[in-house]
Protein backbone atom coordinates (compact mmCIF):
# COMPACT_ATOMS: atom_id res chain seq x y z
CA MET A 1 -59.61 142.56 -80.06
CA THR A 2 -57.34 145.09 -78.55
CA THR A 3 -57.23 146.09 -74.87
CA VAL A 4 -61.03 147.75 -74.06
CA SER A 5 -60.67 150.47 -71.24
CA ARG A 6 -63.69 151.87 -69.28
CA ARG A 7 -63.82 154.50 -66.54
CA TRP A 8 -66.56 155.15 -64.23
CA VAL A 9 -66.95 157.65 -61.31
CA LEU A 10 -69.28 156.77 -58.72
CA ALA A 11 -70.98 158.18 -55.80
CA SER A 12 -70.39 156.13 -52.74
CA ASP A 13 -73.77 154.30 -53.07
CA VAL A 14 -73.97 150.46 -53.40
CA GLN A 15 -76.67 150.76 -55.82
CA HIS A 16 -74.03 151.61 -58.44
CA ILE A 17 -72.14 148.35 -58.15
CA ALA A 18 -74.41 145.87 -59.95
CA PRO A 19 -74.67 147.77 -63.46
CA LEU A 20 -70.81 148.14 -63.17
CA VAL A 21 -70.15 144.51 -62.49
CA ASP A 22 -72.54 143.69 -65.20
CA GLU A 23 -70.85 145.54 -67.76
CA VAL A 24 -67.39 144.23 -66.81
CA VAL A 25 -68.58 140.63 -66.93
CA CYS A 26 -69.86 141.50 -70.81
CA LEU A 27 -66.36 142.99 -71.49
CA CYS A 28 -64.84 139.66 -70.19
CA GLN A 29 -67.21 137.38 -72.05
CA ALA A 30 -66.35 139.15 -75.27
CA ALA A 31 -62.66 138.99 -74.39
CA GLY A 32 -63.23 135.07 -74.14
CA PHE A 33 -62.62 134.71 -70.22
CA SER A 34 -64.00 131.35 -69.07
CA SER A 35 -67.66 131.02 -67.99
CA ARG A 36 -66.31 130.34 -64.30
CA GLN A 37 -64.37 133.50 -64.26
CA CYS A 38 -67.32 135.54 -65.60
CA ARG A 39 -69.88 134.13 -63.18
CA LEU A 40 -67.70 133.98 -60.17
CA ASN A 41 -64.23 135.39 -60.02
CA VAL A 42 -65.18 138.74 -61.53
CA PRO A 43 -68.35 139.70 -60.05
CA ILE A 44 -67.41 138.50 -56.53
CA ALA A 45 -64.01 140.41 -56.55
CA ILE A 46 -65.11 143.64 -58.05
CA THR A 47 -68.15 143.80 -55.82
CA GLU A 48 -66.05 143.12 -52.82
CA ALA A 49 -63.39 145.75 -54.03
CA VAL A 50 -66.03 148.59 -54.79
CA THR A 51 -68.14 147.98 -51.75
CA ASN A 52 -64.90 148.27 -49.50
CA ALA A 53 -64.09 151.29 -51.32
CA MET A 54 -67.36 152.92 -50.75
CA VAL A 55 -68.06 151.59 -47.18
CA ARG A 56 -64.69 151.54 -45.66
CA GLY A 57 -62.67 153.78 -47.61
CA ASN A 58 -64.92 156.73 -48.25
CA GLY A 59 -66.97 155.66 -44.93
CA GLY A 60 -70.15 155.60 -46.89
CA ALA A 61 -70.12 159.31 -47.36
CA HIS A 62 -72.37 159.82 -50.61
CA GLU A 63 -70.50 162.81 -51.56
CA LYS A 64 -67.14 161.03 -51.81
CA GLN A 65 -66.37 159.24 -55.21
CA VAL A 66 -65.01 156.04 -55.95
CA VAL A 67 -63.26 155.85 -59.52
CA VAL A 68 -63.11 152.51 -61.44
CA VAL A 69 -60.85 151.96 -64.34
CA VAL A 70 -61.09 148.52 -66.10
CA ARG A 71 -58.80 147.22 -68.87
CA VAL A 72 -59.68 143.94 -70.57
CA SER A 73 -57.48 142.19 -73.37
CA MET A 74 -57.71 138.79 -74.63
CA GLU A 75 -55.00 137.81 -71.95
CA GLN A 76 -55.94 139.88 -68.92
CA LEU A 77 -58.43 141.86 -66.73
CA VAL A 78 -57.04 144.83 -64.71
CA VAL A 79 -59.46 146.54 -62.35
CA GLU A 80 -58.27 149.62 -60.37
CA VAL A 81 -60.62 151.11 -57.77
CA VAL A 82 -59.67 154.22 -56.13
CA ASP A 83 -61.59 155.73 -53.33
CA GLU A 84 -60.82 158.92 -51.01
CA GLY A 85 -59.76 157.27 -47.88
CA SER A 86 -56.46 156.71 -46.18
CA GLY A 87 -55.95 153.28 -47.54
CA PHE A 88 -54.74 150.24 -45.49
CA GLU A 89 -51.80 147.83 -45.51
CA LEU A 90 -52.90 144.85 -47.69
CA ASP A 91 -49.93 142.69 -46.43
CA GLY A 92 -51.36 143.33 -42.90
CA VAL A 93 -54.78 141.72 -43.55
CA GLU A 94 -54.84 138.11 -42.63
CA GLN A 95 -58.15 136.59 -43.09
CA SER A 96 -58.79 132.92 -42.90
CA PRO A 97 -61.88 130.40 -42.76
CA GLU A 98 -59.76 129.15 -39.82
CA ASP A 99 -60.68 132.05 -37.72
CA VAL A 100 -62.72 131.29 -34.68
CA ASP A 101 -65.43 133.65 -35.75
CA TRP A 102 -65.25 133.29 -39.32
CA LEU A 103 -68.81 131.68 -39.79
CA GLU A 104 -70.56 134.40 -37.41
CA ARG A 105 -68.94 137.33 -39.00
CA GLU A 106 -70.99 139.72 -40.91
CA ASP A 107 -68.04 141.23 -42.79
CA GLY A 108 -64.44 140.98 -43.08
CA ARG A 109 -64.00 138.51 -45.95
CA GLY A 110 -63.57 140.77 -48.94
CA VAL A 111 -59.74 140.77 -49.07
CA PHE A 112 -59.47 137.08 -48.75
CA LEU A 113 -62.16 136.59 -51.49
CA MET A 114 -60.23 138.73 -53.88
CA ARG A 115 -57.10 137.11 -53.10
CA GLN A 116 -58.72 133.65 -53.64
CA LEU A 117 -60.54 134.78 -57.03
CA MET A 118 -57.98 136.94 -58.54
CA ASP A 119 -54.43 136.19 -59.64
CA ARG A 120 -52.94 139.24 -58.07
CA VAL A 121 -54.11 141.85 -55.65
CA GLU A 122 -52.12 145.13 -55.10
CA ASN A 123 -52.73 148.42 -53.40
CA ARG A 124 -51.27 151.81 -52.60
CA CYS A 125 -51.83 155.03 -51.09
CA LEU A 126 -51.73 157.74 -53.73
CA ASP A 127 -49.05 160.36 -53.38
CA HIS A 128 -50.49 163.42 -54.93
CA ALA A 129 -53.74 163.41 -52.84
CA ALA A 130 -55.73 161.63 -50.30
CA GLY A 131 -56.82 158.47 -51.72
CA HIS A 132 -56.32 154.57 -51.98
CA LEU A 133 -55.79 152.43 -55.07
CA LEU A 134 -56.70 148.66 -55.10
CA ARG A 135 -55.63 146.63 -58.31
CA LEU A 136 -57.31 143.43 -59.19
CA ILE A 137 -55.55 141.37 -61.93
CA LEU A 138 -57.07 138.28 -63.55
CA ASN A 139 -55.34 136.31 -66.32
CA LYS A 140 -57.44 134.55 -68.69
CA ALA A 141 -57.80 130.96 -67.87
């Protein structure tokens, strides 16, 4: 198997997330990623990343788009999620189950989960236009 690439352009509507996640999981299964990675790591991390792009990055505005590019090889999964927002400083996001309000919060755990489930999480603001890119990298177990 060589590297397989897919690209989606989605309106900022969370109903589009599940079909995308299902397709990425199928690509990972075909590439031989572990059952745990396909059942847990991939779906949760991608769901968090795309939801954050839609809800936070694009402010839930349905007319704004999220672009998702996925590359799956026999060694690695790379997911890039681009929204139309101004971005955030990834290094400035400190989330921990030790936080006093961790159990009561309704949100605010996404970056923590992505960091726990992926081998690398990177981000940057796009230079050429308004927008923010979040990159998730998972090495095959």
